Amino acid sequence: MKLIIAYIQPHKLNDVKQSLMEAEITKMSVTNSLGCGQQMGFTETYRGAALEINLLKKVRFEIAVNDEFVDKAINAIADGAHTGAIGDGKIFVINLEQCYRIRTGDTGSEAIG
């Protein structure tokens, strides 16, 4: 079992969701986040003062998958998020030690579904 965490551009959210659905991955958690990386932000002028904005809007996906779905999920996220420009995002894959489904008491791969 793996936990896949991906940060993508907000305008690519629907493309990534569609790509995941086509890969038969329907269970995900999506949150708005702020971050900075290679983009380095931008400078904006407000009331005559220059402000450096280095935390940019991102969308964070968290998807728990069984081992046979890891590559499908990674490829789907990468395909949906790719623009070829700096700031397309990052995908992290973390070992998931255990999973519990509260409603049924299922554990492990059965709990992920």
PDB file of N, CA and C in Angstrom:
ATOM      1  N   MET A   1       0.839  -1.171   0.000  1.00  0.00           N
ATOM      2  CA  MET A   1       0.000   0.000   0.000  1.00  0.00           C
ATOM      3  C   MET A   1       0.887   1.239   0.000  1.00  0.00           C
ATOM      4  N   LYS A   2       0.455   2.232  -0.734  1.00  0.00           N
ATOM      5  CA  LYS A   2       1.203   3.484  -0.852  1.00  0.00           C
ATOM      6  C   LYS A   2       0.265   4.669  -0.666  1.00  0.00           C
ATOM      7  N   LEU A   3       0.825   5.751  -0.172  1.00  0.00           N
ATOM      8  CA  LEU A   3       0.127   7.025  -0.112  1.00  0.00           C
ATOM      9  C   LEU A   3       0.793   7.936  -1.131  1.00  0.00           C
ATOM     10  N   ILE A   4       0.021   8.399  -2.089  1.00  0.00           N
ATOM     11  CA  ILE A   4       0.533   9.286  -3.127  1.00  0.00           C
ATOM     12  C   ILE A   4       0.070  10.695  -2.800  1.00  0.00           C
ATOM     13  N   ILE A   5       1.036  11.602  -2.688  1.00  0.00           N
ATOM     14  CA  ILE A   5       0.757  13.008  -2.434  1.00  0.00           C
ATOM     15  C   ILE A   5       1.262  13.783  -3.639  1.00  0.00           C
ATOM     16  N   ALA A   6       0.392  14.587  -4.215  1.00  0.00           N
ATOM     17  CA  ALA A   6       0.774  15.355  -5.396  1.00  0.00           C
ATOM     18  C   ALA A   6       0.367  16.809  -5.215  1.00  0.00           C
ATOM     19  N   TYR A   7       1.247  17.704  -5.634  1.00  0.00           N
ATOM     20  CA  TYR A   7       0.956  19.138  -5.671  1.00  0.00           C
ATOM     21  C   TYR A   7       0.897  19.549  -7.132  1.00  0.00           C
ATOM     22  N   ILE A   8      -0.204  20.196  -7.514  1.00  0.00           N
ATOM     23  CA  ILE A   8      -0.384  20.590  -8.912  1.00  0.00           C
ATOM     24  C   ILE A   8      -0.890  22.026  -8.983  1.00  0.00           C
ATOM     25  N   GLN A   9      -0.921  22.570 -10.199  1.00  0.00           N
ATOM     26  CA  GLN A   9      -1.474  23.896 -10.435  1.00  0.00           C
ATOM     27  C   GLN A   9      -2.998  23.834 -10.277  1.00  0.00           C
ATOM     28  N   PRO A  10      -3.607  24.845  -9.659  1.00  0.00           N
ATOM     29  CA  PRO A  10      -5.061  24.828  -9.459  1.00  0.00           C
ATOM     30  C   PRO A  10      -5.869  24.702 -10.756  1.00  0.00           C
ATOM     31  N   HIS A  11      -5.400  25.300 -11.832  1.00  0.00           N
ATOM     32  CA  HIS A  11      -6.171  25.254 -13.081  1.00  0.00           C
ATOM     33  C   HIS A  11      -6.132  23.871 -13.743  1.00  0.00           C
ATOM     34  N   LYS A  12      -5.294  22.951 -13.235  1.00  0.00           N
ATOM     35  CA  LYS A  12      -5.209  21.601 -13.783  1.00  0.00           C
ATOM     36  C   LYS A  12      -6.012  20.588 -12.966  1.00  0.00           C
ATOM     37  N   LEU A  13      -6.746  21.067 -11.965  1.00  0.00           N
ATOM     38  CA  LEU A  13      -7.503  20.176 -11.080  1.00  0.00           C
ATOM     39  C   LEU A  13      -8.467  19.278 -11.853  1.00  0.00           C
ATOM     40  N   ASN A  14      -9.287  19.844 -12.705  1.00  0.00           N
ATOM     41  CA  ASN A  14     -10.262  19.036 -13.454  1.00  0.00           C
ATOM     42  C   ASN A  14      -9.593  18.054 -14.405  1.00  0.00           C
ATOM     43  N   ASP A  15      -8.483  18.461 -15.012  1.00  0.00           N
ATOM     44  CA  ASP A  15      -7.757  17.557 -15.912  1.00  0.00           C
ATOM     45  C   ASP A  15      -7.206  16.358 -15.152  1.00  0.00           C
ATOM     46  N   VAL A  16      -6.649  16.596 -13.962  1.00  0.00           N
ATOM     47  CA  VAL A  16      -6.093  15.502 -13.159  1.00  0.00           C
ATOM     48  C   VAL A  16      -7.213  14.590 -12.664  1.00  0.00           C
ATOM     49  N   LYS A  17      -8.311  15.170 -12.198  1.00  0.00           N
ATOM     50  CA  LYS A  17      -9.444  14.356 -11.760  1.00  0.00           C
ATOM     51  C   LYS A  17      -9.959  13.474 -12.891  1.00  0.00           C
ATOM     52  N   GLN A  18     -10.101  14.042 -14.077  1.00  0.00           N
ATOM     53  CA  GLN A  18     -10.570  13.281 -15.234  1.00  0.00           C
ATOM     54  C   GLN A  18      -9.596  12.163 -15.580  1.00  0.00           C
ATOM     55  N   SER A  19      -8.315  12.452 -15.550  1.00  0.00           N
ATOM     56  CA  SER A  19      -7.295  11.451 -15.845  1.00  0.00           C
ATOM     57  C   SER A  19      -7.317  10.321 -14.815  1.00  0.00           C
ATOM     58  N   LEU A  20      -7.520  10.652 -13.547  1.00  0.00           N
ATOM     59  CA  LEU A  20      -7.617   9.627 -12.502  1.00  0.00           C
ATOM     60  C   LEU A  20      -8.872   8.774 -12.691  1.00  0.00           C
ATOM     61  N   MET A  21      -9.978   9.386 -13.050  1.00  0.00           N
ATOM     62  CA  MET A  21     -11.216   8.637 -13.278  1.00  0.00           C
ATOM     63  C   MET A  21     -11.046   7.651 -14.437  1.00  0.00           C
ATOM     64  N   GLU A  22     -10.367   8.084 -15.490  1.00  0.00           N
ATOM     65  CA  GLU A  22     -10.111   7.199 -16.626  1.00  0.00           C
ATOM     66  C   GLU A  22      -9.216   6.030 -16.237  1.00  0.00           C
ATOM     67  N   ALA A  23      -8.357   6.234 -15.229  1.00  0.00           N
ATOM     68  CA  ALA A  23      -7.484   5.169 -14.730  1.00  0.00           C
ATOM     69  C   ALA A  23      -8.172   4.338 -13.644  1.00  0.00           C
ATOM     70  N   GLU A  24      -9.473   4.568 -13.446  1.00  0.00           N
ATOM     71  CA  GLU A  24     -10.284   3.846 -12.471  1.00  0.00           C
ATOM     72  C   GLU A  24      -9.843   4.091 -11.032  1.00  0.00           C
ATOM     73  N   ILE A  25      -9.354   5.309 -10.779  1.00  0.00           N
ATOM     74  CA  ILE A  25      -8.980   5.717  -9.426  1.00  0.00           C
ATOM     75  C   ILE A  25      -9.952   6.818  -9.038  1.00  0.00           C
ATOM     76  N   THR A  26     -10.860   6.486  -8.112  1.00  0.00           N
ATOM     77  CA  THR A  26     -11.947   7.401  -7.795  1.00  0.00           C
ATOM     78  C   THR A  26     -11.899   7.926  -6.366  1.00  0.00           C
ATOM     79  N   LYS A  27     -11.051   7.347  -5.520  1.00  0.00           N
ATOM     80  CA  LYS A  27     -10.994   7.764  -4.121  1.00  0.00           C
ATOM     81  C   LYS A  27      -9.794   8.663  -3.912  1.00  0.00           C
ATOM     82  N   MET A  28     -10.059   9.897  -3.505  1.00  0.00           N
ATOM     83  CA  MET A  28      -8.979  10.866  -3.336  1.00  0.00           C
ATOM     84  C   MET A  28      -9.403  11.934  -2.357  1.00  0.00           C
ATOM     85  N   SER A  29      -8.430  12.615  -1.825  1.00  0.00           N
ATOM     86  CA  SER A  29      -8.666  13.777  -0.977  1.00  0.00           C
ATOM     87  C   SER A  29      -7.961  14.953  -1.635  1.00  0.00           C
ATOM     88  N   VAL A  30      -8.666  16.077  -1.763  1.00  0.00           N
ATOM     89  CA  VAL A  30      -8.122  17.244  -2.454  1.00  0.00           C
ATOM     90  C   VAL A  30      -8.249  18.461  -1.541  1.00  0.00           C
ATOM     91  N   THR A  31      -7.135  19.183  -1.360  1.00  0.00           N
ATOM     92  CA  THR A  31      -7.150  20.390  -0.541  1.00  0.00           C
ATOM     93  C   THR A  31      -6.381  21.500  -1.249  1.00  0.00           C
ATOM     94  N   ASN A  32      -6.740  22.731  -0.935  1.00  0.00           N
ATOM     95  CA  ASN A  32      -5.984  23.880  -1.426  1.00  0.00           C
ATOM     96  C   ASN A  32      -4.789  24.078  -0.512  1.00  0.00           C
ATOM     97  N   SER A  33      -3.667  24.473  -1.095  1.00  0.00           N
ATOM     98  CA  SER A  33      -2.476  24.725  -0.289  1.00  0.00           C
ATOM     99  C   SER A  33      -1.669  25.860  -0.911  1.00  0.00           C
ATOM    100  N   LEU A  34      -0.670  26.302  -0.190  1.00  0.00           N
ATOM    101  CA  LEU A  34       0.270  27.317  -0.678  1.00  0.00           C
ATOM    102  C   LEU A  34       1.654  26.720  -0.663  1.00  0.00           C
ATOM    103  N   GLY A  35       2.477  27.101  -1.622  1.00  0.00           N
ATOM    104  CA  GLY A  35       3.830  26.576  -1.653  1.00  0.00           C
ATOM    105  C   GLY A  35       4.715  27.367  -2.595  1.00  0.00           C
ATOM    106  N   CYS A  36       5.996  27.101  -2.473  1.00  0.00           N
ATOM    107  CA  CYS A  36       6.956  27.720  -3.386  1.00  0.00           C
ATOM    108  C   CYS A  36       8.011  26.695  -3.742  1.00  0.00           C
ATOM    109  N   GLY A  37       8.537  26.855  -4.903  1.00  0.00           N
ATOM    110  CA  GLY A  37       9.557  25.945  -5.389  1.00  0.00           C
ATOM    111  C   GLY A  37      10.421  26.677  -6.392  1.00  0.00           C
ATOM    112  N   GLN A  38      10.609  26.057  -7.521  1.00  0.00           N
ATOM    113  CA  GLN A  38      11.469  26.618  -8.557  1.00  0.00           C
ATOM    114  C   GLN A  38      10.885  27.884  -9.177  1.00  0.00           C
ATOM    115  N   GLN A  39       9.575  28.082  -9.054  1.00  0.00           N
ATOM    116  CA  GLN A  39       8.935  29.270  -9.618  1.00  0.00           C
ATOM    117  C   GLN A  39       9.417  30.549  -8.941  1.00  0.00           C
ATOM    118  N   MET A  40       9.721  30.480  -7.672  1.00  0.00           N
ATOM    119  CA  MET A  40      10.263  31.593  -6.888  1.00  0.00           C
ATOM    120  C   MET A  40       9.271  32.738  -6.671  1.00  0.00           C
ATOM    121  N   GLY A  41       8.023  32.601  -7.059  1.00  0.00           N
ATOM    122  CA  GLY A  41       7.024  33.637  -6.796  1.00  0.00           C
ATOM    123  C   GLY A  41       7.125  34.801  -7.765  1.00  0.00           C
ATOM    124  N   PHE A  42       6.566  35.934  -7.324  1.00  0.00           N
ATOM    125  CA  PHE A  42       6.556  37.126  -8.167  1.00  0.00           C
ATOM    126  C   PHE A  42       6.497  38.351  -7.267  1.00  0.00           C
ATOM    127  N   THR A  43       6.763  39.526  -7.851  1.00  0.00           N
ATOM    128  CA  THR A  43       6.717  40.782  -7.113  1.00  0.00           C
ATOM    129  C   THR A  43       5.494  41.571  -7.559  1.00  0.00           C
ATOM    130  N   GLU A  44       4.801  42.123  -6.589  1.00  0.00           N
ATOM    131  CA  GLU A  44       3.595  42.890  -6.856  1.00  0.00           C
ATOM    132  C   GLU A  44       3.716  44.234  -6.140  1.00  0.00           C
ATOM    133  N   THR A  45       3.166  45.290  -6.739  1.00  0.00           N
ATOM    134  CA  THR A  45       3.200  46.599  -6.106  1.00  0.00           C
ATOM    135  C   THR A  45       1.835  46.892  -5.502  1.00  0.00           C
ATOM    136  N   TYR A  46       1.837  47.247  -4.217  1.00  0.00           N
ATOM    137  CA  TYR A  46       0.604  47.577  -3.517  1.00  0.00           C
ATOM    138  C   TYR A  46       0.811  48.893  -2.790  1.00  0.00           C
ATOM    139  N   ARG A  47       0.049  49.923  -3.171  1.00  0.00           N
ATOM    140  CA  ARG A  47       0.150  51.266  -2.588  1.00  0.00           C
ATOM    141  C   ARG A  47       1.592  51.792  -2.609  1.00  0.00           C
ATOM    142  N   GLY A  48       2.244  51.548  -3.717  1.00  0.00           N
ATOM    143  CA  GLY A  48       3.589  52.069  -3.911  1.00  0.00           C
ATOM    144  C   GLY A  48       4.692  51.222  -3.299  1.00  0.00           C
ATOM    145  N   ALA A  49       4.344  50.195  -2.575  1.00  0.00           N
ATOM    146  CA  ALA A  49       5.362  49.330  -1.947  1.00  0.00           C
ATOM    147  C   ALA A  49       5.425  48.004  -2.705  1.00  0.00           C
ATOM    148  N   ALA A  50       6.642  47.554  -2.952  1.00  0.00           N
ATOM    149  CA  ALA A  50       6.847  46.277  -3.641  1.00  0.00           C
ATOM    150  C   ALA A  50       6.698  45.134  -2.633  1.00  0.00           C
ATOM    151  N   LEU A  51       5.852  44.193  -2.961  1.00  0.00           N
ATOM    152  CA  LEU A  51       5.639  43.009  -2.129  1.00  0.00           C
ATOM    153  C   LEU A  51       6.111  41.783  -2.891  1.00  0.00           C
ATOM    154  N   GLU A  52       6.879  40.959  -2.231  1.00  0.00           N
ATOM    155  CA  GLU A  52       7.325  39.722  -2.860  1.00  0.00           C
ATOM    156  C   GLU A  52       6.382  38.603  -2.446  1.00  0.00           C
ATOM    157  N   ILE A  53       5.700  38.032  -3.421  1.00  0.00           N
ATOM    158  CA  ILE A  53       4.767  36.940  -3.188  1.00  0.00           C
ATOM    159  C   ILE A  53       5.477  35.647  -3.578  1.00  0.00           C
ATOM    160  N   ASN A  54       5.883  34.853  -2.586  1.00  0.00           N
ATOM    161  CA  ASN A  54       6.588  33.625  -2.926  1.00  0.00           C
ATOM    162  C   ASN A  54       5.811  32.361  -2.547  1.00  0.00           C
ATOM    163  N   LEU A  55       4.669  32.504  -1.898  1.00  0.00           N
ATOM    164  CA  LEU A  55       3.804  31.351  -1.657  1.00  0.00           C
ATOM    165  C   LEU A  55       2.670  31.399  -2.678  1.00  0.00           C
ATOM    166  N   LEU A  56       2.692  30.448  -3.593  1.00  0.00           N
ATOM    167  CA  LEU A  56       1.727  30.420  -4.683  1.00  0.00           C
ATOM    168  C   LEU A  56       0.657  29.372  -4.415  1.00  0.00           C
ATOM    169  N   LYS A  57      -0.527  29.584  -4.996  1.00  0.00           N
ATOM    170  CA  LYS A  57      -1.628  28.645  -4.806  1.00  0.00           C
ATOM    171  C   LYS A  57      -1.324  27.331  -5.505  1.00  0.00           C
ATOM    172  N   LYS A  58      -1.588  26.235  -4.812  1.00  0.00           N
ATOM    173  CA  LYS A  58      -1.429  24.883  -5.335  1.00  0.00           C
ATOM    174  C   LYS A  58      -2.624  24.056  -4.885  1.00  0.00           C
ATOM    175  N   VAL A  59      -2.778  22.896  -5.475  1.00  0.00           N
ATOM    176  CA  VAL A  59      -3.784  21.928  -5.054  1.00  0.00           C
ATOM    177  C   VAL A  59      -3.045  20.665  -4.643  1.00  0.00           C
ATOM    178  N   ARG A  60      -3.435  20.110  -3.483  1.00  0.00           N
ATOM    179  CA  ARG A  60      -2.788  18.906  -2.960  1.00  0.00           C
ATOM    180  C   ARG A  60      -3.745  17.729  -3.075  1.00  0.00           C
ATOM    181  N   PHE A  61      -3.286  16.675  -3.727  1.00  0.00           N
ATOM    182  CA  PHE A  61      -4.013  15.420  -3.817  1.00  0.00           C
ATOM    183  C   PHE A  61      -3.385  14.431  -2.846  1.00  0.00           C
ATOM    184  N   GLU A  62      -4.210  13.668  -2.145  1.00  0.00           N
ATOM    185  CA  GLU A  62      -3.743  12.543  -1.348  1.00  0.00           C
ATOM    186  C   GLU A  62      -4.560  11.340  -1.780  1.00  0.00           C
ATOM    187  N   ILE A  63      -3.861  10.306  -2.208  1.00  0.00           N
ATOM    188  CA  ILE A  63      -4.538   9.116  -2.715  1.00  0.00           C
ATOM    189  C   ILE A  63      -3.853   7.892  -2.118  1.00  0.00           C
ATOM    190  N   ALA A  64      -4.600   7.082  -1.387  1.00  0.00           N
ATOM    191  CA  ALA A  64      -4.090   5.815  -0.867  1.00  0.00           C
ATOM    192  C   ALA A  64      -4.457   4.739  -1.871  1.00  0.00           C
ATOM    193  N   VAL A  65      -3.455   3.984  -2.326  1.00  0.00           N
ATOM    194  CA  VAL A  65      -3.700   2.950  -3.336  1.00  0.00           C
ATOM    195  C   VAL A  65      -2.989   1.657  -2.958  1.00  0.00           C
ATOM    196  N   ASN A  66      -3.534   0.560  -3.453  1.00  0.00           N
ATOM    197  CA  ASN A  66      -2.842  -0.717  -3.349  1.00  0.00           C
ATOM    198  C   ASN A  66      -1.694  -0.723  -4.350  1.00  0.00           C
ATOM    199  N   ASP A  67      -0.728  -1.587  -4.144  1.00  0.00           N
ATOM    200  CA  ASP A  67       0.499  -1.575  -4.938  1.00  0.00           C
ATOM    201  C   ASP A  67       0.271  -1.665  -6.444  1.00  0.00           C
ATOM    202  N   GLU A  68      -0.748  -2.401  -6.871  1.00  0.00           N
ATOM    203  CA  GLU A  68      -0.975  -2.558  -8.312  1.00  0.00           C
ATOM    204  C   GLU A  68      -1.502  -1.285  -8.972  1.00  0.00           C
ATOM    205  N   PHE A  69      -1.922  -0.295  -8.196  1.00  0.00           N
ATOM    206  CA  PHE A  69      -2.450   0.954  -8.758  1.00  0.00           C
ATOM    207  C   PHE A  69      -1.454   2.115  -8.681  1.00  0.00           C
ATOM    208  N   VAL A  70      -0.282   1.904  -8.131  1.00  0.00           N
ATOM    209  CA  VAL A  70       0.676   2.999  -7.939  1.00  0.00           C
ATOM    210  C   VAL A  70       1.080   3.629  -9.263  1.00  0.00           C
ATOM    211  N   ASP A  71       1.533   2.816 -10.210  1.00  0.00           N
ATOM    212  CA  ASP A  71       1.985   3.362 -11.491  1.00  0.00           C
ATOM    213  C   ASP A  71       0.843   4.015 -12.265  1.00  0.00           C
ATOM    214  N   LYS A  72      -0.354   3.403 -12.211  1.00  0.00           N
ATOM    215  CA  LYS A  72      -1.508   3.992 -12.897  1.00  0.00           C
ATOM    216  C   LYS A  72      -1.834   5.367 -12.320  1.00  0.00           C
ATOM    217  N   ALA A  73      -1.776   5.490 -11.000  1.00  0.00           N
ATOM    218  CA  ALA A  73      -2.092   6.768 -10.361  1.00  0.00           C
ATOM    219  C   ALA A  73      -1.044   7.820 -10.703  1.00  0.00           C
ATOM    220  N   ILE A  74       0.219   7.463 -10.627  1.00  0.00           N
ATOM    221  CA  ILE A  74       1.300   8.407 -10.941  1.00  0.00           C
ATOM    222  C   ILE A  74       1.184   8.886 -12.384  1.00  0.00           C
ATOM    223  N   ASN A  75       0.990   7.956 -13.307  1.00  0.00           N
ATOM    224  CA  ASN A  75       0.878   8.322 -14.719  1.00  0.00           C
ATOM    225  C   ASN A  75      -0.338   9.203 -14.973  1.00  0.00           C
ATOM    226  N   ALA A  76      -1.450   8.906 -14.311  1.00  0.00           N
ATOM    227  CA  ALA A  76      -2.661   9.704 -14.496  1.00  0.00           C
ATOM    228  C   ALA A  76      -2.462  11.129 -13.990  1.00  0.00           C
ATOM    229  N   ILE A  77      -1.843  11.273 -12.817  1.00  0.00           N
ATOM    230  CA  ILE A  77      -1.599  12.608 -12.268  1.00  0.00           C
ATOM    231  C   ILE A  77      -0.648  13.384 -13.174  1.00  0.00           C
ATOM    232  N   ALA A  78       0.436  12.728 -13.578  1.00  0.00           N
ATOM    233  CA  ALA A  78       1.426  13.393 -14.433  1.00  0.00           C
ATOM    234  C   ALA A  78       0.822  13.804 -15.772  1.00  0.00           C
ATOM    235  N   ASP A  79       0.006  12.940 -16.363  1.00  0.00           N
ATOM    236  CA  ASP A  79      -0.621  13.269 -17.650  1.00  0.00           C
ATOM    237  C   ASP A  79      -1.587  14.438 -17.509  1.00  0.00           C
ATOM    238  N   GLY A  80      -2.372  14.443 -16.443  1.00  0.00           N
ATOM    239  CA  GLY A  80      -3.350  15.502 -16.259  1.00  0.00           C
ATOM    240  C   GLY A  80      -2.746  16.837 -15.883  1.00  0.00           C
ATOM    241  N   ALA A  81      -1.614  16.820 -15.180  1.00  0.00           N
ATOM    242  CA  ALA A  81      -1.019  18.057 -14.671  1.00  0.00           C
ATOM    243  C   ALA A  81       0.030  18.667 -15.594  1.00  0.00           C
ATOM    244  N   HIS A  82       0.507  17.908 -16.569  1.00  0.00           N
ATOM    245  CA  HIS A  82       1.635  18.354 -17.392  1.00  0.00           C
ATOM    246  C   HIS A  82       1.278  19.514 -18.309  1.00  0.00           C
ATOM    247  N   THR A  83       2.086  20.582 -18.222  1.00  0.00           N
ATOM    248  CA  THR A  83       2.011  21.683 -19.191  1.00  0.00           C
ATOM    249  C   THR A  83       3.366  21.922 -19.838  1.00  0.00           C
ATOM    250  N   GLY A  84       4.420  21.418 -19.211  1.00  0.00           N
ATOM    251  CA  GLY A  84       5.772  21.630 -19.704  1.00  0.00           C
ATOM    252  C   GLY A  84       6.422  22.873 -19.140  1.00  0.00           C
ATOM    253  N   ALA A  85       5.728  23.597 -18.276  1.00  0.00           N
ATOM    254  CA  ALA A  85       6.257  24.829 -17.691  1.00  0.00           C
ATOM    255  C   ALA A  85       6.694  24.578 -16.248  1.00  0.00           C
ATOM    256  N   ILE A  86       7.566  25.451 -15.758  1.00  0.00           N
ATOM    257  CA  ILE A  86       7.962  25.385 -14.356  1.00  0.00           C
ATOM    258  C   ILE A  86       6.718  25.541 -13.492  1.00  0.00           C
ATOM    259  N   GLY A  87       6.610  24.710 -12.468  1.00  0.00           N
ATOM    260  CA  GLY A  87       5.471  24.802 -11.564  1.00  0.00           C
ATOM    261  C   GLY A  87       4.391  23.772 -11.825  1.00  0.00           C
ATOM    262  N   ASP A  88       4.638  22.816 -12.724  1.00  0.00           N
ATOM    263  CA  ASP A  88       3.649  21.773 -12.984  1.00  0.00           C
ATOM    264  C   ASP A  88       3.337  20.969 -11.729  1.00  0.00           C
ATOM    265  N   GLY A  89       4.303  20.821 -10.853  1.00  0.00           N
ATOM    266  CA  GLY A  89       4.032  20.147  -9.587  1.00  0.00           C
ATOM    267  C   GLY A  89       4.999  19.040  -9.259  1.00  0.00           C
ATOM    268  N   LYS A  90       4.682  18.329  -8.186  1.00  0.00           N
ATOM    269  CA  LYS A  90       5.501  17.222  -7.702  1.00  0.00           C
ATOM    270  C   LYS A  90       4.578  16.095  -7.257  1.00  0.00           C
ATOM    271  N   ILE A  91       5.093  14.862  -7.336  1.00  0.00           N
ATOM    272  CA  ILE A  91       4.382  13.681  -6.851  1.00  0.00           C
ATOM    273  C   ILE A  91       5.305  12.959  -5.887  1.00  0.00           C
ATOM    274  N   PHE A  92       4.788  12.651  -4.700  1.00  0.00           N
ATOM    275  CA  PHE A  92       5.536  11.916  -3.694  1.00  0.00           C
ATOM    276  C   PHE A  92       4.831  10.589  -3.435  1.00  0.00           C
ATOM    277  N   VAL A  93       5.597   9.521  -3.275  1.00  0.00           N
ATOM    278  CA  VAL A  93       5.043   8.207  -2.975  1.00  0.00           C
ATOM    279  C   VAL A  93       5.628   7.749  -1.648  1.00  0.00           C
ATOM    280  N   ILE A  94       4.737   7.452  -0.703  1.00  0.00           N
ATOM    281  CA  ILE A  94       5.143   7.089   0.648  1.00  0.00           C
ATOM    282  C   ILE A  94       4.577   5.714   0.974  1.00  0.00           C
ATOM    283  N   ASN A  95       5.380   4.874   1.621  1.00  0.00           N
ATOM    284  CA  ASN A  95       4.867   3.589   2.086  1.00  0.00           C
ATOM    285  C   ASN A  95       3.783   3.822   3.120  1.00  0.00           C
ATOM    286  N   LEU A  96       2.708   3.086   2.989  1.00  0.00           N
ATOM    287  CA  LEU A  96       1.579   3.196   3.903  1.00  0.00           C
ATOM    288  C   LEU A  96       1.574   1.938   4.764  1.00  0.00           C
ATOM    289  N   GLU A  97       1.854   2.119   6.023  1.00  0.00           N
ATOM    290  CA  GLU A  97       2.006   0.977   6.918  1.00  0.00           C
ATOM    291  C   GLU A  97       0.702   0.237   7.159  1.00  0.00           C
ATOM    292  N   GLN A  98      -0.379   0.968   7.391  1.00  0.00           N
ATOM    293  CA  GLN A  98      -1.656   0.331   7.681  1.00  0.00           C
ATOM    294  C   GLN A  98      -2.794   1.266   7.313  1.00  0.00           C
ATOM    295  N   CYS A  99      -3.946   0.688   7.045  1.00  0.00           N
ATOM    296  CA  CYS A  99      -5.144   1.447   6.731  1.00  0.00           C
ATOM    297  C   CYS A  99      -6.322   0.782   7.434  1.00  0.00           C
ATOM    298  N   TYR A 100      -7.205   1.589   8.002  1.00  0.00           N
ATOM    299  CA  TYR A 100      -8.388   1.085   8.691  1.00  0.00           C
ATOM    300  C   TYR A 100      -9.629   1.764   8.134  1.00  0.00           C
ATOM    301  N   ARG A 101     -10.648   0.978   7.851  1.00  0.00           N
ATOM    302  CA  ARG A 101     -11.944   1.547   7.461  1.00  0.00           C
ATOM    303  C   ARG A 101     -12.811   1.534   8.718  1.00  0.00           C
ATOM    304  N   ILE A 102     -13.166   2.701   9.182  1.00  0.00           N
ATOM    305  CA  ILE A 102     -13.876   2.844  10.450  1.00  0.00           C
ATOM    306  C   ILE A 102     -15.238   2.153  10.415  1.00  0.00           C
ATOM    307  N   ARG A 103     -15.977   2.341   9.327  1.00  0.00           N
ATOM    308  CA  ARG A 103     -17.347   1.821   9.259  1.00  0.00           C
ATOM    309  C   ARG A 103     -17.409   0.310   9.407  1.00  0.00           C
ATOM    310  N   THR A 104     -16.527  -0.420   8.689  1.00  0.00           N
ATOM    311  CA  THR A 104     -16.623  -1.881   8.657  1.00  0.00           C
ATOM    312  C   THR A 104     -15.572  -2.598   9.488  1.00  0.00           C
ATOM    313  N   GLY A 105     -14.524  -1.863   9.865  1.00  0.00           N
ATOM    314  CA  GLY A 105     -13.437  -2.509  10.593  1.00  0.00           C
ATOM    315  C   GLY A 105     -12.424  -3.189   9.693  1.00  0.00           C
ATOM    316  N   ASP A 106     -12.575  -3.051   8.364  1.00  0.00           N
ATOM    317  CA  ASP A 106     -11.610  -3.626   7.434  1.00  0.00           C
ATOM    318  C   ASP A 106     -10.238  -3.009   7.663  1.00  0.00           C
ATOM    319  N   THR A 107      -9.188  -3.786   7.390  1.00  0.00           N
ATOM    320  CA  THR A 107      -7.821  -3.290   7.518  1.00  0.00           C
ATOM    321  C   THR A 107      -7.030  -3.633   6.268  1.00  0.00           C
ATOM    322  N   GLY A 108      -5.912  -2.945   6.119  1.00  0.00           N
ATOM    323  CA  GLY A 108      -5.001  -3.229   5.012  1.00  0.00           C
ATOM    324  C   GLY A 108      -5.581  -2.918   3.651  1.00  0.00           C
ATOM    325  N   SER A 109      -5.237  -3.769   2.663  1.00  0.00           N
ATOM    326  CA  SER A 109      -5.667  -3.566   1.283  1.00  0.00           C
ATOM    327  C   SER A 109      -7.183  -3.545   1.130  1.00  0.00           C
ATOM    328  N   GLU A 110      -7.882  -4.328   1.941  1.00  0.00           N
ATOM    329  CA  GLU A 110      -9.349  -4.344   1.874  1.00  0.00           C
ATOM    330  C   GLU A 110      -9.944  -2.994   2.267  1.00  0.00           C
ATOM    331  N   ALA A 111      -9.310  -2.304   3.191  1.00  0.00           N
ATOM    332  CA  ALA A 111      -9.815  -1.008   3.657  1.00  0.00           C
ATOM    333  C   ALA A 111      -9.636   0.077   2.595  1.00  0.00           C
ATOM    334  N   ILE A 112      -8.593  -0.036   1.785  1.00  0.00           N
ATOM    335  CA  ILE A 112      -8.363   0.956   0.734  1.00  0.00           C
ATOM    336  C   ILE A 112      -9.393   0.800  -0.367  1.00  0.00           C
ATOM    337  N   GLY A 113      -9.690  -0.433  -0.721  1.00  0.00           N
ATOM    338  CA  GLY A 113     -10.741  -0.690  -1.707  1.00  0.00           C
ATOM    339  C   GLY A 113     -10.286  -0.798  -3.106  1.00  0.00           C
TER     340      GLY A 113
END
